[in-house]
Amino acid sequence: MLPSSCEVRSSAVPASVTGMLPFTDWMLEKLALEKTLFRTMAVSSLWLSFLALLFRVLLKAFGLCHCYYVNCQRLRCFPEPPPCNWFLRHLGMIQPCEEGMAQISQLVATFSQAFVMWMGPFLPVLVLVHPDYIKPVTAASATVAPKDKLFYGFLKPWLGDGLLLSSGKKWGRHRRMLTPAFHFDILKPYMKIFSQSTDVMHAKWHKLTSAGPASLDMFEQISLMTLDSLQKCVFSYNSNCQEKSSDYIAAILELSTLVVQRQQHLLHHFDWLYYLTADGRRFRHACDSVHRFTANVIQQRRIALNRLGHDAWLTSKQGKSLDFIDVLLLAKAMTLQQVAYPGCCTIWVDTPSTKTSAGRRFRICYGAGTHRSLNGDGWGA
């Protein structure tokens, strides 16, 4: 009696294949598929690929857990302030306000060397306080002291991968390219612009105090003065931002606020989730506004430069301050795309650099105002 066609096909499948993975027979049975050599090999291959992928994922997860455990053991030697939440730890504990500054001062007074703060359950931040600890980090090269990928990642859609956010060879190339722009002969004429912007700020303060004693947010005032100075030095653009607002200024301030707020929310650290929220959509819209303004200013300056030519343009600038954008456009290594890239020019007039410069000026004024006995009559007035 001849075997049936099904029996013939089954016997054609090698025993080593059918017995290699019992899951293959079960899968074919569940799919109601006839057992053949091709189907058996296909299901077996898919199953083996899945197991290999699963093993790789588990191996990577084990590596991350081991790395996390090792970091925790290394950080145990540093003190840690009491967490405000068992899961979020110190995330959101220090807010960007006056109370937050008071908390930072208290932490620095309590932990005078260094301390650890956890921005969520898995991200430790080592805060260095003593100058002896800070000096080796600030003196190290960009390759030895890598930049913060998390916070700088929040800024990358805004500023691009320019001098502030780049690292390694790319950072070194950008730094060498921009070195001529910081020559003393180029920076010296800017002192007049700085003085003019400062005079505008002082005039506002005199007007505010003319009716009697008054209080104001010095950080906001100094930030606007710094932004006004940078716009004039970089673009030769007088936005009069200390006296009135504009869409560009509003977009910069909104971007700064959104970046700071994003740090305080753990779920917003994930890009794909953040851009689905209302804050994420506002961030994209503000980025587009800032990039359009920057690209338009650069394009207009490029057209004027090409119309006059390099030599005629330099001649017209004699006795005047050479803008930062002029230095970039006149550099042979810079193309229009490179100059217009968000991280190249926007970095100098947008909030991260502005806030850093303004923060230094604010701390000087604040220290001078709170320690009048150590200063001359000019500060105490």
Protein backbone atom coordinates (compact mmCIF):
# COMPACT_ATOMS: atom_id res chain seq x y z
CA MET A 1 0.00 0.00 0.00
CA LEU A 2 1.51 3.36 -1.10
CA PRO A 3 1.90 6.13 1.51
CA SER A 4 -0.18 9.26 1.15
CA SER A 5 1.25 12.48 -0.28
CA CYS A 6 1.39 13.98 3.21
CA GLU A 7 3.41 11.08 4.49
CA VAL A 8 5.80 11.39 1.53
CA ARG A 9 6.41 15.11 2.25
CA SER A 10 6.90 14.40 5.94
CA SER A 11 9.41 11.69 5.24
CA ALA A 12 11.27 14.08 2.92
CA VAL A 13 12.06 16.35 5.90
CA PRO A 14 15.27 15.25 7.61
CA ALA A 15 14.85 13.97 11.15
CA SER A 16 17.56 16.30 12.39
CA VAL A 17 15.53 19.32 11.25
CA THR A 18 12.17 18.19 12.60
CA GLY A 19 13.66 17.24 15.92
CA MET A 20 15.90 20.28 16.24
CA LEU A 21 13.20 22.60 17.55
CA PRO A 22 9.95 21.09 18.89
CA PHE A 23 8.49 24.57 18.64
CA THR A 24 8.56 24.25 14.83
CA ASP A 25 6.04 21.40 14.76
CA TRP A 26 3.81 23.19 17.24
CA MET A 27 3.88 26.42 15.21
CA LEU A 28 3.04 24.68 11.95
CA GLU A 29 0.23 22.89 13.71
CA LYS A 30 -1.22 26.13 15.10
CA LEU A 31 -0.99 27.83 11.69
CA ALA A 32 -2.68 24.83 10.06
CA LEU A 33 0.16 24.56 7.56
CA GLU A 34 1.33 21.40 5.92
CA LYS A 35 4.77 20.29 7.07
CA THR A 36 7.37 20.64 4.33
CA LEU A 37 11.10 21.06 4.29
CA PHE A 38 10.89 24.75 3.27
CA ARG A 39 8.31 25.67 5.91
CA THR A 40 10.16 23.80 8.60
CA MET A 41 13.43 25.51 7.76
CA ALA A 42 11.73 28.94 7.53
CA VAL A 43 10.02 28.65 10.92
CA SER A 44 13.18 27.27 12.50
CA SER A 45 15.24 30.16 11.10
CA LEU A 46 12.76 32.76 12.36
CA TRP A 47 12.67 31.14 15.77
CA LEU A 48 16.46 31.01 16.00
CA SER A 49 16.71 34.66 14.88
CA PHE A 50 14.24 35.66 17.57
CA LEU A 51 16.22 33.79 20.22
CA ALA A 52 19.45 35.43 19.05
CA LEU A 53 17.84 38.88 19.18
CA LEU A 54 16.40 38.17 22.61
CA PHE A 55 19.80 37.01 23.85
CA ARG A 56 21.42 40.18 22.53
CA VAL A 57 18.82 42.39 24.22
CA LEU A 58 19.24 40.52 27.51
CA LEU A 59 23.01 40.76 27.23
CA LYS A 60 22.82 44.51 26.65
CA ALA A 61 20.36 44.91 29.54
CA PHE A 62 22.71 42.97 31.78
CA GLY A 63 25.59 45.21 30.72
CA LEU A 64 23.58 48.34 31.51
CA CYS A 65 22.57 46.95 34.91
CA HIS A 66 26.17 46.05 35.68
CA CYS A 67 27.35 49.52 34.63
CA TYR A 68 24.63 51.10 36.78
CA TYR A 69 25.67 48.96 39.77
CA VAL A 70 29.35 49.87 39.34
CA ASN A 71 28.52 53.60 39.11
CA CYS A 72 26.38 53.38 42.23
CA GLN A 73 29.24 51.73 44.11
CA ARG A 74 31.68 54.41 42.96
CA LEU A 75 29.32 57.25 43.94
CA ARG A 76 28.75 55.92 47.45
CA CYS A 77 31.80 57.85 48.64
CA PHE A 78 30.06 61.16 47.89
CA PRO A 79 27.37 62.60 50.21
CA GLU A 80 23.83 62.97 48.97
CA PRO A 81 21.10 65.40 50.10
CA PRO A 82 17.79 63.88 51.21
CA PRO A 83 15.67 63.01 48.17
CA CYS A 84 12.24 64.54 47.74
CA ASN A 85 10.81 61.40 46.10
CA TRP A 86 11.73 57.70 46.31
CA PHE A 87 11.52 57.29 42.52
CA LEU A 88 12.35 60.70 41.05
CA ARG A 89 14.92 61.29 43.81
CA HIS A 90 16.12 64.93 43.47
CA LEU A 91 14.45 65.68 40.14
CA GLY A 92 12.42 68.87 40.46
CA MET A 93 13.78 69.66 43.91
CA ILE A 94 15.61 72.82 42.77
CA GLN A 95 13.42 75.14 40.73
CA PRO A 96 14.77 77.99 38.53
CA CYS A 97 13.70 80.74 40.92
CA GLU A 98 14.90 82.65 43.97
CA GLU A 99 13.95 79.79 46.29
CA GLY A 100 15.99 77.44 44.11
CA MET A 101 19.04 79.70 44.41
CA ALA A 102 18.61 79.67 48.19
CA GLN A 103 18.49 75.86 48.13
CA ILE A 104 21.68 75.71 46.09
CA SER A 105 23.42 78.04 48.54
CA GLN A 106 22.32 75.84 51.41
CA LEU A 107 23.54 72.69 49.67
CA VAL A 108 26.91 74.25 48.90
CA ALA A 109 27.25 75.36 52.52
CA THR A 110 26.35 71.87 53.76
CA PHE A 111 28.45 69.89 51.27
CA SER A 112 31.57 72.01 50.83
CA GLN A 113 33.52 69.50 48.72
CA ALA A 114 31.13 67.67 46.37
CA PHE A 115 27.80 65.89 46.43
CA VAL A 116 25.58 63.70 44.26
CA MET A 117 22.09 64.45 43.01
CA TRP A 118 19.90 61.98 41.10
CA MET A 119 17.85 63.34 38.21
CA GLY A 120 15.45 60.42 38.25
CA PRO A 121 16.13 56.81 39.21
CA PHE A 122 19.03 56.20 36.80
CA LEU A 123 20.83 59.51 36.12
CA PRO A 124 23.33 60.68 38.77
CA VAL A 125 24.82 64.17 38.63
CA LEU A 126 28.07 64.77 40.50
CA VAL A 127 28.21 68.40 41.67
CA LEU A 128 31.71 69.70 42.34
CA VAL A 129 31.94 72.55 44.85
CA HIS A 130 35.52 72.98 46.04
CA PRO A 131 37.93 74.73 43.64
CA ASP A 132 40.49 71.95 44.00
CA TYR A 133 37.95 69.51 42.52
CA ILE A 134 36.73 71.88 39.82
CA LYS A 135 40.17 72.93 38.52
CA PRO A 136 41.18 69.56 36.93
CA VAL A 137 37.85 69.37 35.08
CA THR A 138 37.96 72.91 33.71
CA ALA A 139 41.61 72.53 32.72
CA ALA A 140 41.03 69.23 30.90
CA SER A 141 40.70 69.03 27.13
CA ALA A 142 37.38 68.45 25.40
CA THR A 143 38.22 64.77 24.81
CA VAL A 144 38.96 64.10 28.49
CA ALA A 145 35.98 66.05 29.85
CA PRO A 146 33.01 65.04 27.65
CA LYS A 147 29.94 67.24 27.51
CA ASP A 148 26.57 66.47 29.03
CA LYS A 149 24.68 64.53 26.38
CA LEU A 150 21.29 64.73 28.07
CA PHE A 151 20.92 68.48 28.63
CA TYR A 152 22.87 69.39 25.49
CA GLY A 153 20.60 67.00 23.61
CA PHE A 154 17.68 69.25 24.57
CA LEU A 155 19.50 72.19 22.96
CA LYS A 156 20.59 70.47 19.75
CA PRO A 157 17.35 71.12 17.75
CA TRP A 158 17.76 74.79 18.66
CA LEU A 159 21.51 75.36 18.37
CA GLY A 160 22.62 72.49 16.18
CA ASP A 161 25.95 70.69 16.57
CA GLY A 162 28.06 73.84 16.74
CA LEU A 163 30.84 75.02 19.05
CA LEU A 164 28.78 74.75 22.23
CA LEU A 165 27.40 71.24 21.67
CA SER A 166 30.08 69.55 19.56
CA SER A 167 33.07 67.70 20.97
CA GLY A 168 36.29 66.02 19.90
CA LYS A 169 37.77 66.86 16.51
CA LYS A 170 34.68 68.73 15.35
CA TRP A 171 34.87 71.04 18.35
CA GLY A 172 38.58 71.63 17.74
CA ARG A 173 37.95 72.47 14.07
CA HIS A 174 35.21 74.96 14.95
CA ARG A 175 37.32 76.50 17.71
CA ARG A 176 40.29 77.09 15.39
CA MET A 177 37.95 78.56 12.79
CA LEU A 178 36.50 81.06 15.26
CA THR A 179 39.77 82.02 16.96
CA PRO A 180 40.39 85.09 14.70
CA ALA A 181 37.01 86.50 15.71
CA PHE A 182 38.22 86.87 19.31
CA HIS A 183 41.40 88.79 18.52
CA PHE A 184 41.85 91.84 20.73
CA ASP A 185 41.90 94.20 17.74
CA ILE A 186 38.44 92.94 16.73
CA LEU A 187 36.97 92.96 20.24
CA LYS A 188 38.26 96.40 21.25
CA PRO A 189 35.77 98.42 19.12
CA TYR A 190 32.92 96.50 20.76
CA MET A 191 33.50 98.35 24.04
CA LYS A 192 31.54 101.32 22.67
CA ILE A 193 28.59 99.04 21.89
CA PHE A 194 28.74 97.49 25.36
CA SER A 195 28.72 100.94 26.95
CA GLN A 196 25.72 102.04 24.88
CA SER A 197 23.69 98.97 25.86
CA THR A 198 24.63 99.47 29.51
CA ASP A 199 23.57 103.12 29.37
CA VAL A 200 20.14 102.04 28.15
CA MET A 201 19.80 99.67 31.09
CA HIS A 202 20.93 102.33 33.57
CA ALA A 203 18.44 104.81 32.13
CA LYS A 204 15.65 102.31 32.75
CA TRP A 205 16.78 101.86 36.35
CA HIS A 206 16.96 105.62 36.98
CA LYS A 207 13.46 106.05 35.56
CA LEU A 208 12.20 103.22 37.77
CA THR A 209 13.71 104.67 40.95
CA SER A 210 12.82 108.29 40.23
CA ALA A 211 9.49 107.89 42.03
CA GLY A 212 11.09 106.25 45.07
CA PRO A 213 12.61 102.92 46.14
CA ALA A 214 11.69 100.02 43.87
CA SER A 215 12.60 96.36 43.36
CA LEU A 216 13.27 94.63 40.06
CA ASP A 217 14.56 91.36 38.64
CA MET A 218 18.16 92.26 37.83
CA PHE A 219 18.80 88.97 36.07
CA GLU A 220 16.13 89.66 33.47
CA GLN A 221 17.38 93.21 32.97
CA ILE A 222 21.02 92.13 32.58
CA SER A 223 19.99 89.30 30.24
CA LEU A 224 18.24 91.76 27.92
CA MET A 225 21.24 94.08 28.03
CA THR A 226 23.55 91.20 27.14
CA LEU A 227 21.28 90.07 24.32
CA ASP A 228 21.11 93.63 22.99
CA SER A 229 24.92 93.85 22.98
CA LEU A 230 25.36 90.50 21.26
CA GLN A 231 22.86 91.30 18.52
CA LYS A 232 24.67 94.53 17.74
CA CYS A 233 28.12 92.89 17.78
CA VAL A 234 27.19 89.74 15.87
CA PHE A 235 24.60 91.01 13.36
CA SER A 236 24.79 94.81 13.59
CA TYR A 237 21.11 94.44 14.40
CA ASN A 238 19.49 96.94 16.75
CA SER A 239 16.37 95.21 18.02
CA ASN A 240 15.88 97.68 20.88
CA CYS A 241 15.00 94.62 22.95
CA GLN A 242 15.57 96.47 26.24
CA GLU A 243 12.74 98.85 25.46
CA LYS A 244 10.28 96.69 23.52
CA SER A 245 9.74 93.03 22.75
CA SER A 246 9.64 91.29 19.37
CA ASP A 247 8.81 87.87 17.98
CA TYR A 248 12.49 86.95 17.89
CA ILE A 249 13.11 87.98 21.51
CA ALA A 250 9.90 86.26 22.63
CA ALA A 251 10.96 83.06 20.85
CA ILE A 252 14.39 83.07 22.54
CA LEU A 253 12.90 83.60 25.99
CA GLU A 254 10.31 80.89 25.37
CA LEU A 255 12.98 78.42 24.24
CA SER A 256 15.00 79.10 27.36
CA THR A 257 11.99 78.54 29.59
CA LEU A 258 10.95 75.34 27.80
CA VAL A 259 14.44 73.82 28.02
CA VAL A 260 14.60 74.49 31.77
CA GLN A 261 11.11 73.10 32.31
CA ARG A 262 11.93 69.97 30.30
CA GLN A 263 14.68 69.06 32.73
CA GLN A 264 12.17 68.90 35.57
CA HIS A 265 9.95 66.24 33.92
CA LEU A 266 11.31 62.73 33.56
CA LEU A 267 8.99 61.68 30.71
CA HIS A 268 9.93 64.77 28.71
CA HIS A 269 13.52 63.54 28.53
CA PHE A 270 12.44 61.25 25.69
CA ASP A 271 12.32 63.17 22.39
CA TRP A 272 9.58 61.10 20.76
CA LEU A 273 7.30 61.67 23.76
CA TYR A 274 8.21 65.31 24.35
CA TYR A 275 7.35 66.43 20.82
CA LEU A 276 3.86 64.96 21.21
CA THR A 277 3.14 67.34 24.08
CA ALA A 278 2.04 70.97 23.90
CA ASP A 279 5.45 72.12 25.19
CA GLY A 280 7.17 70.12 22.47
CA ARG A 281 5.09 71.71 19.74
CA ARG A 282 5.79 75.18 21.19
CA PHE A 283 9.50 74.34 21.23
CA ARG A 284 9.48 73.38 17.54
CA HIS A 285 7.56 76.53 16.60
CA ALA A 286 9.96 78.77 18.55
CA CYS A 287 12.97 77.03 16.96
CA ASP A 288 11.56 77.67 13.50
CA SER A 289 11.07 81.37 14.31
CA VAL A 290 14.64 81.79 15.57
CA HIS A 291 16.16 79.88 12.64
CA ARG A 292 14.20 81.90 10.08
CA PHE A 293 15.38 85.17 11.61
CA THR A 294 19.02 84.05 11.72
CA ALA A 295 18.99 82.66 8.18
CA ASN A 296 17.39 85.84 6.83
CA VAL A 297 19.99 88.11 8.45
CA ILE A 298 22.86 85.93 7.20
CA GLN A 299 21.42 85.77 3.69
CA GLN A 300 21.07 89.55 3.47
CA ARG A 301 24.62 90.06 4.70
CA ARG A 302 25.93 87.47 2.23
CA ILE A 303 24.19 89.23 -0.68
CA ALA A 304 25.67 92.59 0.36
CA LEU A 305 29.14 91.04 0.70
CA ASN A 306 28.99 89.42 -2.74
CA ARG A 307 27.75 92.65 -4.32
CA LEU A 308 30.65 94.73 -2.99
CA GLY A 309 33.35 92.06 -2.94
CA HIS A 310 35.66 91.16 -0.08
CA ASP A 311 38.15 94.01 -0.55
CA ALA A 312 35.49 96.71 -0.92
CA TRP A 313 33.61 95.31 2.08
CA LEU A 314 36.71 95.44 4.27
CA THR A 315 37.41 98.98 3.07
CA SER A 316 33.90 100.07 4.02
CA LYS A 317 34.44 98.62 7.49
CA GLN A 318 37.56 100.68 8.21
CA GLY A 319 37.10 102.64 11.40
CA LYS A 320 34.07 100.52 12.31
CA SER A 321 33.68 97.33 14.29
CA LEU A 322 33.87 94.17 12.22
CA ASP A 323 30.82 92.06 13.02
CA PHE A 324 31.17 88.48 14.06
CA ILE A 325 29.14 87.39 11.05
CA ASP A 326 31.57 89.29 8.81
CA VAL A 327 34.48 87.30 10.20
CA LEU A 328 32.66 84.06 9.47
CA LEU A 329 31.57 85.01 5.96
CA LEU A 330 35.04 86.25 5.05
CA ALA A 331 36.64 83.01 6.24
CA LYS A 332 37.48 80.86 3.22
CA ALA A 333 36.57 77.66 5.03
CA MET A 334 33.00 78.73 5.74
CA THR A 335 30.16 78.13 3.33
CA LEU A 336 26.73 79.71 3.50
CA GLN A 337 25.25 76.47 4.81
CA GLN A 338 27.84 76.29 7.59
CA VAL A 339 27.31 79.90 8.64
CA ALA A 340 23.54 79.58 8.51
CA TYR A 341 23.60 76.37 10.53
CA PRO A 342 21.85 77.04 13.84
CA GLY A 343 24.88 76.27 15.98
CA CYS A 344 27.22 78.66 14.21
CA CYS A 345 25.75 82.12 14.69
CA THR A 346 22.61 81.50 16.71
CA ILE A 347 24.67 80.28 19.63
CA TRP A 348 26.13 83.74 20.19
CA VAL A 349 22.83 85.60 20.37
CA ASP A 350 20.50 82.98 21.79
CA THR A 351 19.82 82.35 25.40
CA PRO A 352 22.42 79.72 26.49
CA SER A 353 25.39 82.00 25.82
CA THR A 354 23.38 85.08 26.79
CA LYS A 355 22.31 83.57 30.09
CA THR A 356 25.86 82.45 30.87
CA SER A 357 27.29 85.94 30.28
CA ALA A 358 24.39 87.60 32.04
CA GLY A 359 24.73 85.20 34.96
CA ARG A 360 28.32 86.26 35.54
CA ARG A 361 27.39 89.95 35.48
CA PHE A 362 24.42 89.31 37.76
CA ARG A 363 26.55 87.49 40.34
CA ILE A 364 29.09 90.34 40.32
CA CYS A 365 26.36 92.94 40.87
CA TYR A 366 24.63 90.80 43.48
CA GLY A 367 27.87 90.19 45.38
CA ALA A 368 28.79 93.86 45.24
CA GLY A 369 25.33 94.88 46.43
CA THR A 370 25.22 92.45 49.35
CA HIS A 371 28.78 93.27 50.52
CA ARG A 372 28.83 97.04 50.25
CA SER A 373 31.38 97.40 53.04
CA LEU A 374 33.98 95.70 50.82
CA ASN A 375 33.39 98.02 47.85
CA GLY A 376 34.03 101.63 47.04
CA ASP A 377 31.55 104.46 47.10
CA GLY A 378 30.55 103.75 43.49
CA TRP A 379 29.11 100.35 44.39
CA GLY A 380 27.52 101.52 47.59
CA ALA A 381 25.71 104.40 45.98
